[in-house]
PDB file of N, CA and C in Angstrom:
ATOM      1  N   MET A   1      49.666  19.175  17.525  1.00  0.00           N
ATOM      2  CA  MET A   1      49.227  18.864  18.860  1.00  0.00           C
ATOM      3  C   MET A   1      47.897  19.577  19.108  1.00  0.00           C
ATOM      4  N   THR A   2      46.895  18.853  19.589  1.00  0.00           N
ATOM      5  CA  THR A   2      45.596  19.464  19.829  1.00  0.00           C
ATOM      6  C   THR A   2      45.530  20.001  21.248  1.00  0.00           C
ATOM      7  N   GLU A   3      44.826  21.097  21.386  1.00  0.00           N
ATOM      8  CA  GLU A   3      44.665  21.735  22.679  1.00  0.00           C
ATOM      9  C   GLU A   3      43.502  21.077  23.422  1.00  0.00           C
ATOM     10  N   ALA A   4      43.670  20.818  24.709  1.00  0.00           N
ATOM     11  CA  ALA A   4      42.601  20.213  25.511  1.00  0.00           C
ATOM     12  C   ALA A   4      41.442  21.199  25.626  1.00  0.00           C
ATOM     13  N   ARG A   5      40.225  20.657  25.543  1.00  0.00           N
ATOM     14  CA  ARG A   5      39.045  21.496  25.679  1.00  0.00           C
ATOM     15  C   ARG A   5      38.839  21.849  27.143  1.00  0.00           C
ATOM     16  N   LYS A   6      38.522  23.106  27.388  1.00  0.00           N
ATOM     17  CA  LYS A   6      38.239  23.542  28.749  1.00  0.00           C
ATOM     18  C   LYS A   6      36.905  22.965  29.194  1.00  0.00           C
ATOM     19  N   ARG A   7      36.820  22.622  30.484  1.00  0.00           N
ATOM     20  CA  ARG A   7      35.573  22.087  31.049  1.00  0.00           C
ATOM     21  C   ARG A   7      35.044  23.046  32.093  1.00  0.00           C
ATOM     22  N   VAL A   8      33.724  23.108  32.158  1.00  0.00           N
ATOM     23  CA  VAL A   8      33.044  23.813  33.234  1.00  0.00           C
ATOM     24  C   VAL A   8      32.112  22.816  33.908  1.00  0.00           C
ATOM     25  N   TYR A   9      31.723  23.112  35.134  1.00  0.00           N
ATOM     26  CA  TYR A   9      30.958  22.153  35.922  1.00  0.00           C
ATOM     27  C   TYR A   9      29.607  22.693  36.386  1.00  0.00           C
ATOM     28  N   THR A  10      29.224  23.846  35.838  1.00  0.00           N
ATOM     29  CA  THR A  10      27.910  24.421  36.095  1.00  0.00           C
ATOM     30  C   THR A  10      27.372  24.987  34.788  1.00  0.00           C
ATOM     31  N   THR A  11      26.058  25.209  34.765  1.00  0.00           N
ATOM     32  CA  THR A  11      25.416  25.787  33.586  1.00  0.00           C
ATOM     33  C   THR A  11      24.462  26.887  34.032  1.00  0.00           C
ATOM     34  N   PRO A  12      24.168  27.829  33.148  1.00  0.00           N
ATOM     35  CA  PRO A  12      23.160  28.834  33.500  1.00  0.00           C
ATOM     36  C   PRO A  12      21.769  28.203  33.533  1.00  0.00           C
ATOM     37  N   ALA A  13      20.866  28.814  34.277  1.00  0.00           N
ATOM     38  CA  ALA A  13      19.481  28.337  34.343  1.00  0.00           C
ATOM     39  C   ALA A  13      18.741  28.670  33.045  1.00  0.00           C
ATOM     40  N   GLY A  14      17.733  27.861  32.741  1.00  0.00           N
ATOM     41  CA  GLY A  14      16.847  28.152  31.618  1.00  0.00           C
ATOM     42  C   GLY A  14      17.291  27.644  30.265  1.00  0.00           C
ATOM     43  N   VAL A  15      18.347  26.837  30.217  1.00  0.00           N
ATOM     44  CA  VAL A  15      18.786  26.269  28.944  1.00  0.00           C
ATOM     45  C   VAL A  15      17.905  25.055  28.643  1.00  0.00           C
ATOM     46  N   GLN A  16      17.173  25.107  27.546  1.00  0.00           N
ATOM     47  CA  GLN A  16      16.313  23.988  27.171  1.00  0.00           C
ATOM     48  C   GLN A  16      17.163  22.862  26.605  1.00  0.00           C
ATOM     49  N   LEU A  17      16.950  21.643  27.147  1.00  0.00           N
ATOM     50  CA  LEU A  17      17.759  20.495  26.759  1.00  0.00           C
ATOM     51  C   LEU A  17      17.045  19.592  25.760  1.00  0.00           C
ATOM     52  N   CYS A  18      15.809  19.186  26.079  1.00  0.00           N
ATOM     53  CA  CYS A  18      15.050  18.310  25.199  1.00  0.00           C
ATOM     54  C   CYS A  18      13.635  18.186  25.751  1.00  0.00           C
ATOM     55  N   SER A  19      12.751  17.563  24.993  1.00  0.00           N
ATOM     56  CA  SER A  19      11.429  17.274  25.537  1.00  0.00           C
ATOM     57  C   SER A  19      11.567  16.136  26.547  1.00  0.00           C
ATOM     58  N   LEU A  20      10.680  16.097  27.525  1.00  0.00           N
ATOM     59  CA  LEU A  20      10.693  15.006  28.493  1.00  0.00           C
ATOM     60  C   LEU A  20      10.542  13.667  27.783  1.00  0.00           C
ATOM     61  N   ASP A  21       9.727  13.627  26.740  1.00  0.00           N
ATOM     62  CA  ASP A  21       9.489  12.394  25.991  1.00  0.00           C
ATOM     63  C   ASP A  21      10.732  11.881  25.265  1.00  0.00           C
ATOM     64  N   ALA A  22      11.744  12.735  25.084  1.00  0.00           N
ATOM     65  CA  ALA A  22      12.978  12.303  24.410  1.00  0.00           C
ATOM     66  C   ALA A  22      13.841  11.418  25.313  1.00  0.00           C
ATOM     67  N   ILE A  23      13.483  11.350  26.600  1.00  0.00           N
ATOM     68  CA  ILE A  23      14.177  10.475  27.545  1.00  0.00           C
ATOM     69  C   ILE A  23      13.193   9.377  27.930  1.00  0.00           C
ATOM     70  N   GLY A  24      13.582   8.127  27.825  1.00  0.00           N
ATOM     71  CA  GLY A  24      12.710   7.023  28.199  1.00  0.00           C
ATOM     72  C   GLY A  24      12.207   7.185  29.628  1.00  0.00           C
ATOM     73  N   VAL A  25      11.028   6.665  29.925  1.00  0.00           N
ATOM     74  CA  VAL A  25      10.402   6.808  31.241  1.00  0.00           C
ATOM     75  C   VAL A  25      11.346   6.377  32.360  1.00  0.00           C
ATOM     76  N   GLU A  26      12.125   5.360  32.137  1.00  0.00           N
ATOM     77  CA  GLU A  26      13.146   4.910  33.093  1.00  0.00           C
ATOM     78  C   GLU A  26      14.500   4.957  32.394  1.00  0.00           C
ATOM     79  N   GLY A  27      14.819   6.101  31.775  1.00  0.00           N
ATOM     80  CA  GLY A  27      16.024   6.196  30.969  1.00  0.00           C
ATOM     81  C   GLY A  27      16.943   7.314  31.397  1.00  0.00           C
ATOM     82  N   ALA A  28      18.002   7.484  30.628  1.00  0.00           N
ATOM     83  CA  ALA A  28      18.996   8.524  30.880  1.00  0.00           C
ATOM     84  C   ALA A  28      19.479   9.074  29.548  1.00  0.00           C
ATOM     85  N   ARG A  29      19.954  10.294  29.591  1.00  0.00           N
ATOM     86  CA  ARG A  29      20.459  10.920  28.366  1.00  0.00           C
ATOM     87  C   ARG A  29      21.620  11.849  28.696  1.00  0.00           C
ATOM     88  N   ASN A  30      22.632  11.807  27.840  1.00  0.00           N
ATOM     89  CA  ASN A  30      23.838  12.618  27.948  1.00  0.00           C
ATOM     90  C   ASN A  30      23.619  13.977  27.291  1.00  0.00           C
ATOM     91  N   PHE A  31      24.240  15.008  27.858  1.00  0.00           N
ATOM     92  CA  PHE A  31      24.214  16.341  27.258  1.00  0.00           C
ATOM     93  C   PHE A  31      25.610  16.959  27.356  1.00  0.00           C
ATOM     94  N   VAL A  32      26.032  17.587  26.269  1.00  0.00           N
ATOM     95  CA  VAL A  32      27.263  18.370  26.257  1.00  0.00           C
ATOM     96  C   VAL A  32      26.863  19.763  25.804  1.00  0.00           C
ATOM     97  N   LEU A  33      27.135  20.746  26.645  1.00  0.00           N
ATOM     98  CA  LEU A  33      26.773  22.124  26.346  1.00  0.00           C
ATOM     99  C   LEU A  33      28.021  22.964  26.215  1.00  0.00           C
ATOM    100  N   GLN A  34      28.046  23.820  25.197  1.00  0.00           N
ATOM    101  CA  GLN A  34      29.151  24.762  25.071  1.00  0.00           C
ATOM    102  C   GLN A  34      28.780  26.021  25.848  1.00  0.00           C
ATOM    103  N   ILE A  35      29.637  26.392  26.782  1.00  0.00           N
ATOM    104  CA  ILE A  35      29.458  27.585  27.606  1.00  0.00           C
ATOM    105  C   ILE A  35      30.660  28.479  27.312  1.00  0.00           C
ATOM    106  N   GLY A  36      30.466  29.472  26.468  1.00  0.00           N
ATOM    107  CA  GLY A  36      31.591  30.298  26.036  1.00  0.00           C
ATOM    108  C   GLY A  36      32.573  29.442  25.267  1.00  0.00           C
ATOM    109  N   ASP A  37      33.831  29.413  25.705  1.00  0.00           N
ATOM    110  CA  ASP A  37      34.836  28.593  25.026  1.00  0.00           C
ATOM    111  C   ASP A  37      35.101  27.281  25.769  1.00  0.00           C
ATOM    112  N   ALA A  38      34.215  26.930  26.697  1.00  0.00           N
ATOM    113  CA  ALA A  38      34.379  25.702  27.474  1.00  0.00           C
ATOM    114  C   ALA A  38      33.165  24.792  27.276  1.00  0.00           C
ATOM    115  N   PHE A  39      33.252  23.578  27.786  1.00  0.00           N
ATOM    116  CA  PHE A  39      32.189  22.590  27.602  1.00  0.00           C
ATOM    117  C   PHE A  39      31.779  21.999  28.946  1.00  0.00           C
ATOM    118  N   PHE A  40      30.469  21.800  29.097  1.00  0.00           N
ATOM    119  CA  PHE A  40      29.880  21.135  30.246  1.00  0.00           C
ATOM    120  C   PHE A  40      29.411  19.761  29.803  1.00  0.00           C
ATOM    121  N   HIS A  41      29.703  18.721  30.603  1.00  0.00           N
ATOM    122  CA  HIS A  41      29.261  17.358  30.320  1.00  0.00           C
ATOM    123  C   HIS A  41      28.369  16.906  31.472  1.00  0.00           C
ATOM    124  N   GLY A  42      27.137  16.555  31.152  1.00  0.00           N
ATOM    125  CA  GLY A  42      26.211  16.115  32.177  1.00  0.00           C
ATOM    126  C   GLY A  42      25.260  15.071  31.634  1.00  0.00           C
ATOM    127  N   PHE A  43      24.420  14.534  32.526  1.00  0.00           N
ATOM    128  CA  PHE A  43      23.396  13.593  32.094  1.00  0.00           C
ATOM    129  C   PHE A  43      22.166  13.758  32.967  1.00  0.00           C
ATOM    130  N   VAL A  44      21.034  13.369  32.397  1.00  0.00           N
ATOM    131  CA  VAL A  44      19.749  13.460  33.074  1.00  0.00           C
ATOM    132  C   VAL A  44      19.143  12.064  33.119  1.00  0.00           C
ATOM    133  N   VAL A  45      18.619  11.698  34.294  1.00  0.00           N
ATOM    134  CA  VAL A  45      17.903  10.438  34.467  1.00  0.00           C
ATOM    135  C   VAL A  45      16.436  10.778  34.686  1.00  0.00           C
ATOM    136  N   ARG A  46      15.571  10.055  34.003  1.00  0.00           N
ATOM    137  CA  ARG A  46      14.131  10.272  34.148  1.00  0.00           C
ATOM    138  C   ARG A  46      13.507   9.142  34.954  1.00  0.00           C
ATOM    139  N   ARG A  47      12.654   9.522  35.883  1.00  0.00           N
ATOM    140  CA  ARG A  47      11.834   8.592  36.659  1.00  0.00           C
ATOM    141  C   ARG A  47      10.405   9.091  36.545  1.00  0.00           C
ATOM    142  N   GLY A  48       9.626   8.553  35.616  1.00  0.00           N
ATOM    143  CA  GLY A  48       8.263   9.035  35.397  1.00  0.00           C
ATOM    144  C   GLY A  48       8.298  10.469  34.908  1.00  0.00           C
ATOM    145  N   ASP A  49       7.700  11.375  35.674  1.00  0.00           N
ATOM    146  CA  ASP A  49       7.700  12.790  35.304  1.00  0.00           C
ATOM    147  C   ASP A  49       8.792  13.587  36.007  1.00  0.00           C
ATOM    148  N   GLU A  50       9.644  12.913  36.794  1.00  0.00           N
ATOM    149  CA  GLU A  50      10.741  13.581  37.488  1.00  0.00           C
ATOM    150  C   GLU A  50      12.044  13.395  36.729  1.00  0.00           C
ATOM    151  N   VAL A  51      12.935  14.376  36.856  1.00  0.00           N
ATOM    152  CA  VAL A  51      14.270  14.268  36.266  1.00  0.00           C
ATOM    153  C   VAL A  51      15.319  14.605  37.323  1.00  0.00           C
ATOM    154  N   PHE A  52      16.466  13.964  37.200  1.00  0.00           N
ATOM    155  CA  PHE A  52      17.591  14.157  38.106  1.00  0.00           C
ATOM    156  C   PHE A  52      18.824  14.366  37.233  1.00  0.00           C
ATOM    157  N   GLY A  53      19.548  15.449  37.464  1.00  0.00           N
ATOM    158  CA  GLY A  53      20.717  15.757  36.655  1.00  0.00           C
ATOM    159  C   GLY A  53      22.004  15.671  37.450  1.00  0.00           C
ATOM    160  N   TYR A  54      23.055  15.216  36.763  1.00  0.00           N
ATOM    161  CA  TYR A  54      24.369  15.092  37.395  1.00  0.00           C
ATOM    162  C   TYR A  54      25.466  15.480  36.412  1.00  0.00           C
ATOM    163  N   VAL A  55      26.556  16.023  36.947  1.00  0.00           N
ATOM    164  CA  VAL A  55      27.763  16.238  36.161  1.00  0.00           C
ATOM    165  C   VAL A  55      28.289  14.856  35.789  1.00  0.00           C
ATOM    166  N   ASP A  56      28.688  14.685  34.547  1.00  0.00           N
ATOM    167  CA  ASP A  56      29.161  13.379  34.073  1.00  0.00           C
ATOM    168  C   ASP A  56      30.618  13.173  34.476  1.00  0.00           C
ATOM    169  N   GLN A  57      30.811  12.896  35.769  1.00  0.00           N
ATOM    170  CA  GLN A  57      32.157  12.693  36.303  1.00  0.00           C
ATOM    171  C   GLN A  57      32.055  11.846  37.571  1.00  0.00           C
ATOM    172  N   CYS A  58      32.652  10.682  37.552  1.00  0.00           N
ATOM    173  CA  CYS A  58      32.644   9.803  38.718  1.00  0.00           C
ATOM    174  C   CYS A  58      33.549  10.380  39.803  1.00  0.00           C
ATOM    175  N   PRO A  59      33.101  10.399  41.058  1.00  0.00           N
ATOM    176  CA  PRO A  59      33.953  10.919  42.122  1.00  0.00           C
ATOM    177  C   PRO A  59      35.171  10.041  42.420  1.00  0.00           C
ATOM    178  N   HIS A  60      35.197   8.821  41.902  1.00  0.00           N
ATOM    179  CA  HIS A  60      36.307   7.907  42.152  1.00  0.00           C
ATOM    180  C   HIS A  60      37.587   8.375  41.476  1.00  0.00           C
ATOM    181  N   GLN A  61      37.549   8.542  40.148  1.00  0.00           N
ATOM    182  CA  GLN A  61      38.748   8.969  39.420  1.00  0.00           C
ATOM    183  C   GLN A  61      38.487  10.079  38.422  1.00  0.00           C
ATOM    184  N   GLY A  62      37.297  10.656  38.453  1.00  0.00           N
ATOM    185  CA  GLY A  62      37.008  11.797  37.595  1.00  0.00           C
ATOM    186  C   GLY A  62      36.653  11.457  36.160  1.00  0.00           C
ATOM    187  N   LEU A  63      36.494  10.176  35.852  1.00  0.00           N
ATOM    188  CA  LEU A  63      36.142   9.777  34.485  1.00  0.00           C
ATOM    189  C   LEU A  63      34.657   9.973  34.234  1.00  0.00           C
ATOM    190  N   PRO A  64      34.253  10.119  32.951  1.00  0.00           N
ATOM    191  CA  PRO A  64      32.821  10.091  32.642  1.00  0.00           C
ATOM    192  C   PRO A  64      32.271   8.724  33.051  1.00  0.00           C
ATOM    193  N   LEU A  65      30.989   8.659  33.396  1.00  0.00           N
ATOM    194  CA  LEU A  65      30.421   7.407  33.901  1.00  0.00           C
ATOM    195  C   LEU A  65      30.156   6.379  32.809  1.00  0.00           C
ATOM    196  N   ALA A  66      29.708   6.802  31.649  1.00  0.00           N
ATOM    197  CA  ALA A  66      29.302   5.862  30.593  1.00  0.00           C
ATOM    198  C   ALA A  66      30.425   5.650  29.577  1.00  0.00           C
ATOM    199  N   ARG A  67      30.502   4.438  29.088  1.00  0.00           N
ATOM    200  CA  ARG A  67      31.413   4.136  27.972  1.00  0.00           C
ATOM    201  C   ARG A  67      30.684   4.269  26.643  1.00  0.00           C
ATOM    202  N   LYS A  68      29.363   4.055  26.679  1.00  0.00           N
ATOM    203  CA  LYS A  68      28.526   4.184  25.480  1.00  0.00           C
ATOM    204  C   LYS A  68      27.533   5.314  25.711  1.00  0.00           C
ATOM    205  N   LEU A  69      27.225   6.046  24.682  1.00  0.00           N
ATOM    206  CA  LEU A  69      26.325   7.190  24.769  1.00  0.00           C
ATOM    207  C   LEU A  69      25.016   6.808  25.458  1.00  0.00           C
ATOM    208  N   ASP A  70      24.636   7.563  26.466  1.00  0.00           N
ATOM    209  CA  ASP A  70      23.370   7.428  27.196  1.00  0.00           C
ATOM    210  C   ASP A  70      23.268   6.156  28.029  1.00  0.00           C
ATOM    211  N   ASP A  71      24.338   5.401  28.201  1.00  0.00           N
ATOM    212  CA  ASP A  71      24.301   4.129  28.927  1.00  0.00           C
ATOM    213  C   ASP A  71      24.758   4.336  30.379  1.00  0.00           C
ATOM    214  N   TYR A  72      23.901   4.966  31.183  1.00  0.00           N
ATOM    215  CA  TYR A  72      24.245   5.334  32.555  1.00  0.00           C
ATOM    216  C   TYR A  72      23.634   4.423  33.613  1.00  0.00           C
ATOM    217  N   LEU A  73      22.658   3.637  33.251  1.00  0.00           N
ATOM    218  CA  LEU A  73      21.901   2.890  34.256  1.00  0.00           C
ATOM    219  C   LEU A  73      22.259   1.412  34.268  1.00  0.00           C
ATOM    220  N   THR A  74      22.066   0.795  35.436  1.00  0.00           N
ATOM    221  CA  THR A  74      22.221  -0.652  35.551  1.00  0.00           C
ATOM    222  C   THR A  74      21.152  -1.324  34.681  1.00  0.00           C
ATOM    223  N   PRO A  75      21.342  -2.587  34.317  1.00  0.00           N
ATOM    224  CA  PRO A  75      20.358  -3.258  33.449  1.00  0.00           C
ATOM    225  C   PRO A  75      18.916  -3.189  33.969  1.00  0.00           C
ATOM    226  N   ASP A  76      18.733  -3.219  35.296  1.00  0.00           N
ATOM    227  CA  ASP A  76      17.368  -3.120  35.833  1.00  0.00           C
ATOM    228  C   ASP A  76      16.908  -1.665  35.993  1.00  0.00           C
ATOM    229  N   LYS A  77      17.752  -0.725  35.600  1.00  0.00           N
ATOM    230  CA  LYS A  77      17.471   0.710  35.581  1.00  0.00           C
ATOM    231  C   LYS A  77      17.195   1.319  36.961  1.00  0.00           C
ATOM    232  N   THR A  78      17.677   0.683  38.019  1.00  0.00           N
ATOM    233  CA  THR A  78      17.428   1.201  39.361  1.00  0.00           C
ATOM    234  C   THR A  78      18.551   2.086  39.893  1.00  0.00           C
ATOM    235  N   LEU A  79      19.764   1.949  39.342  1.00  0.00           N
ATOM    236  CA  LEU A  79      20.919   2.704  39.827  1.00  0.00           C
ATOM    237  C   LEU A  79      21.714   3.266  38.654  1.00  0.00           C
ATOM    238  N   VAL A  80      22.459   4.335  38.915  1.00  0.00           N
ATOM    239  CA  VAL A  80      23.436   4.853  37.969  1.00  0.00           C
ATOM    240  C   VAL A  80      24.699   4.038  38.165  1.00  0.00           C
ATOM    241  N   ASN A  81      25.339   3.664  37.064  1.00  0.00           N
ATOM    242  CA  ASN A  81      26.508   2.785  37.091  1.00  0.00           C
ATOM    243  C   ASN A  81      27.702   3.472  36.442  1.00  0.00           C
ATOM    244  N   CYS A  82      28.856   3.429  37.104  1.00  0.00           N
ATOM    245  CA  CYS A  82      30.099   3.854  36.462  1.00  0.00           C
ATOM    246  C   CYS A  82      30.639   2.649  35.706  1.00  0.00           C
ATOM    247  N   ALA A  83      30.685   2.764  34.395  1.00  0.00           N
ATOM    248  CA  ALA A  83      31.101   1.644  33.550  1.00  0.00           C
ATOM    249  C   ALA A  83      32.584   1.310  33.699  1.00  0.00           C
ATOM    250  N   TRP A  84      33.377   2.188  34.272  1.00  0.00           N
ATOM    251  CA  TRP A  84      34.823   1.968  34.360  1.00  0.00           C
ATOM    252  C   TRP A  84      35.211   1.114  35.567  1.00  0.00           C
ATOM    253  N   HIS A  85      34.648   1.404  36.734  1.00  0.00           N
ATOM    254  CA  HIS A  85      35.063   0.709  37.948  1.00  0.00           C
ATOM    255  C   HIS A  85      33.905   0.148  38.756  1.00  0.00           C
ATOM    256  N   GLY A  86      32.685   0.205  38.220  1.00  0.00           N
ATOM    257  CA  GLY A  86      31.553  -0.453  38.842  1.00  0.00           C
ATOM    258  C   GLY A  86      30.900   0.263  40.006  1.00  0.00           C
ATOM    259  N   ALA A  87      31.219   1.525  40.242  1.00  0.00           N
ATOM    260  CA  ALA A  87      30.538   2.261  41.312  1.00  0.00           C
ATOM    261  C   ALA A  87      29.054   2.372  40.978  1.00  0.00           C
ATOM    262  N   LEU A  88      28.210   2.295  42.018  1.00  0.00           N
ATOM    263  CA  LEU A  88      26.761   2.361  41.852  1.00  0.00           C
ATOM    264  C   LEU A  88      26.217   3.524  42.662  1.00  0.00           C
ATOM    265  N   PHE A  89      25.327   4.313  42.044  1.00  0.00           N
ATOM    266  CA  PHE A  89      24.802   5.524  42.650  1.00  0.00           C
ATOM    267  C   PHE A  89      23.273   5.512  42.622  1.00  0.00           C
ATOM    268  N   ARG A  90      22.658   6.011  43.692  1.00  0.00           N
ATOM    269  CA  ARG A  90      21.205   6.163  43.699  1.00  0.00           C
ATOM    270  C   ARG A  90      20.817   7.272  42.732  1.00  0.00           C
ATOM    271  N   VAL A  91      19.745   7.053  42.006  1.00  0.00           N
ATOM    272  CA  VAL A  91      19.257   8.041  41.038  1.00  0.00           C
ATOM    273  C   VAL A  91      18.813   9.310  41.752  1.00  0.00           C
ATOM    274  N   GLU A  92      18.112   9.183  42.855  1.00  0.00           N
ATOM    275  CA  GLU A  92      17.462  10.320  43.503  1.00  0.00           C
ATOM    276  C   GLU A  92      18.402  11.322  44.150  1.00  0.00           C
ATOM    277  N   ASP A  93      19.576  10.888  44.600  1.00  0.00           N
ATOM    278  CA  ASP A  93      20.466  11.830  45.284  1.00  0.00           C
ATOM    279  C   ASP A  93      21.941  11.681  44.899  1.00  0.00           C
ATOM    280  N   GLY A  94      22.268  10.757  44.006  1.00  0.00           N
ATOM    281  CA  GLY A  94      23.649  10.593  43.550  1.00  0.00           C
ATOM    282  C   GLY A  94      24.583   9.944  44.544  1.00  0.00           C
ATOM    283  N   MET A  95      24.068   9.427  45.650  1.00  0.00           N
ATOM    284  CA  MET A  95      24.912   8.799  46.673  1.00  0.00           C
ATOM    285  C   MET A  95      25.456   7.472  46.157  1.00  0.00           C
ATOM    286  N   CYS A  96      26.759   7.260  46.324  1.00  0.00           N
ATOM    287  CA  CYS A  96      27.378   5.997  45.937  1.00  0.00           C
ATOM    288  C   CYS A  96      27.061   4.950  46.996  1.00  0.00           C
ATOM    289  N   VAL A  97      26.409   3.883  46.562  1.00  0.00           N
ATOM    290  CA  VAL A  97      25.994   2.825  47.484  1.00  0.00           C
ATOM    291  C   VAL A  97      26.782   1.537  47.277  1.00  0.00           C
ATOM    292  N   GLY A  98      27.757   1.549  46.378  1.00  0.00           N
ATOM    293  CA  GLY A  98      28.594   0.386  46.155  1.00  0.00           C
ATOM    294  C   GLY A  98      29.752   0.717  45.243  1.00  0.00           C
ATOM    295  N   GLY A  99      30.859   0.029  45.444  1.00  0.00           N
ATOM    296  CA  GLY A  99      32.026   0.246  44.586  1.00  0.00           C
ATOM    297  C   GLY A  99      33.098   1.057  45.280  1.00  0.00           C
ATOM    298  N   PRO A 100      34.104   1.485  44.519  1.00  0.00           N
ATOM    299  CA  PRO A 100      35.308   2.072  45.100  1.00  0.00           C
ATOM    300  C   PRO A 100      35.124   3.445  45.743  1.00  0.00           C
ATOM    301  N   CYS A 101      34.008   4.098  45.537  1.00  0.00           N
ATOM    302  CA  CYS A 101      33.819   5.425  46.134  1.00  0.00           C
ATOM    303  C   CYS A 101      32.569   5.456  47.011  1.00  0.00           C
ATOM    304  N   ALA A 102      32.244   4.320  47.659  1.00  0.00           N
ATOM    305  CA  ALA A 102      31.064   4.231  48.522  1.00  0.00           C
ATOM    306  C   ALA A 102      31.060   5.379  49.528  1.00  0.00           C
ATOM    307  N   GLY A 103      29.900   6.029  49.632  1.00  0.00           N
ATOM    308  CA  GLY A 103      29.747   7.169  50.527  1.00  0.00           C
ATOM    309  C   GLY A 103      29.948   8.508  49.855  1.00  0.00           C
ATOM    310  N   ALA A 104      30.583   8.538  48.693  1.00  0.00           N
ATOM    311  CA  ALA A 104      30.747   9.779  47.931  1.00  0.00           C
ATOM    312  C   ALA A 104      29.457  10.043  47.145  1.00  0.00           C
ATOM    313  N   ARG A 105      29.370  11.177  46.519  1.00  0.00           N
ATOM    314  CA  ARG A 105      28.186  11.526  45.728  1.00  0.00           C
ATOM    315  C   ARG A 105      28.586  12.056  44.365  1.00  0.00           C
ATOM    316  N   LEU A 106      27.690  11.853  43.407  1.00  0.00           N
ATOM    317  CA  LEU A 106      27.811  12.535  42.128  1.00  0.00           C
ATOM    318  C   LEU A 106      27.523  14.014  42.361  1.00  0.00           C
ATOM    319  N   SER A 107      28.128  14.865  41.548  1.00  0.00           N
ATOM    320  CA  SER A 107      27.847  16.303  41.642  1.00  0.00           C
ATOM    321  C   SER A 107      26.510  16.590  40.967  1.00  0.00           C
ATOM    322  N   PRO A 108      25.568  17.193  41.703  1.00  0.00           N
ATOM    323  CA  PRO A 108      24.259  17.455  41.102  1.00  0.00           C
ATOM    324  C   PRO A 108      24.336  18.519  40.020  1.00  0.00           C
ATOM    325  N   TRP A 109      23.458  18.389  39.045  1.00  0.00           N
ATOM    326  CA  TRP A 109      23.270  19.374  37.978  1.00  0.00           C
ATOM    327  C   TRP A 109      21.803  19.763  38.040  1.00  0.00           C
ATOM    328  N   PRO A 110      21.476  20.952  38.488  1.00  0.00           N
ATOM    329  CA  PRO A 110      20.076  21.329  38.648  1.00  0.00           C
ATOM    330  C   PRO A 110      19.320  21.353  37.309  1.00  0.00           C
ATOM    331  N   VAL A 111      18.302  20.510  37.229  1.00  0.00           N
ATOM    332  CA  VAL A 111      17.436  20.446  36.043  1.00  0.00           C
ATOM    333  C   VAL A 111      15.984  20.359  36.522  1.00  0.00           C
ATOM    334  N   ARG A 112      15.060  20.673  35.639  1.00  0.00           N
ATOM    335  CA  ARG A 112      13.629  20.603  35.947  1.00  0.00           C
ATOM    336  C   ARG A 112      12.865  20.375  34.657  1.00  0.00           C
ATOM    337  N   VAL A 113      11.583  20.077  34.806  1.00  0.00           N
ATOM    338  CA  VAL A 113      10.689  19.959  33.661  1.00  0.00           C
ATOM    339  C   VAL A 113       9.732  21.143  33.699  1.00  0.00           C
ATOM    340  N   ALA A 114       9.661  21.887  32.609  1.00  0.00           N
ATOM    341  CA  ALA A 114       8.753  23.023  32.488  1.00  0.00           C
ATOM    342  C   ALA A 114       8.007  22.888  31.170  1.00  0.00           C
ATOM    343  N   ASN A 115       6.687  22.743  31.258  1.00  0.00           N
ATOM    344  CA  ASN A 115       5.845  22.608  30.058  1.00  0.00           C
ATOM    345  C   ASN A 115       6.325  21.480  29.147  1.00  0.00           C
ATOM    346  N   GLY A 116       6.716  20.358  29.764  1.00  0.00           N
ATOM    347  CA  GLY A 116       7.136  19.190  28.998  1.00  0.00           C
ATOM    348  C   GLY A 116       8.547  19.253  28.453  1.00  0.00           C
ATOM    349  N   ILE A 117       9.290  20.284  28.808  1.00  0.00           N
ATOM    350  CA  ILE A 117      10.667  20.461  28.335  1.00  0.00           C
ATOM    351  C   ILE A 117      11.628  20.340  29.519  1.00  0.00           C
ATOM    352  N   VAL A 118      12.670  19.527  29.354  1.00  0.00           N
ATOM    353  CA  VAL A 118      13.725  19.437  30.367  1.00  0.00           C
ATOM    354  C   VAL A 118      14.654  20.619  30.149  1.00  0.00           C
ATOM    355  N   GLU A 119      14.899  21.355  31.223  1.00  0.00           N
ATOM    356  CA  GLU A 119      15.783  22.523  31.130  1.00  0.00           C
ATOM    357  C   GLU A 119      16.636  22.632  32.386  1.00  0.00           C
ATOM    358  N   THR A 120      17.706  23.402  32.277  1.00  0.00           N
ATOM    359  CA  THR A 120      18.546  23.642  33.433  1.00  0.00           C
ATOM    360  C   THR A 120      17.818  24.550  34.408  1.00  0.00           C
ATOM    361  N   ALA A 121      18.098  24.361  35.688  1.00  0.00           N
ATOM    362  CA  ALA A 121      17.410  25.146  36.725  1.00  0.00           C
ATOM    363  C   ALA A 121      18.407  26.058  37.453  1.00  0.00           C
TER     364      ALA A 121
END
């Protein structure tokens, strides 16, 4: 029997994640960080030179948002999409604007760009 991995929902500041160029200009990327003996699951969405980070957990039922690695955005790349139940979230603030958890928000994950590197804030 395998033991369930512990999860954490915050990260320390200053952890370098990737170069800004590693995320498409209108793209998203998944990150899993080991924090001690636990794991953090999050994703970053890029809009030009800005980045927005969120904990990878839908407020509807607590599932990760993507079924496929890095597949967080709607086809037109304007909203974050929960692949399980179709909830739609604004990139800029994580507010659910459609689906079963309308009015709820994604949990923010503070990230920033410093010298071309995406890092935790």
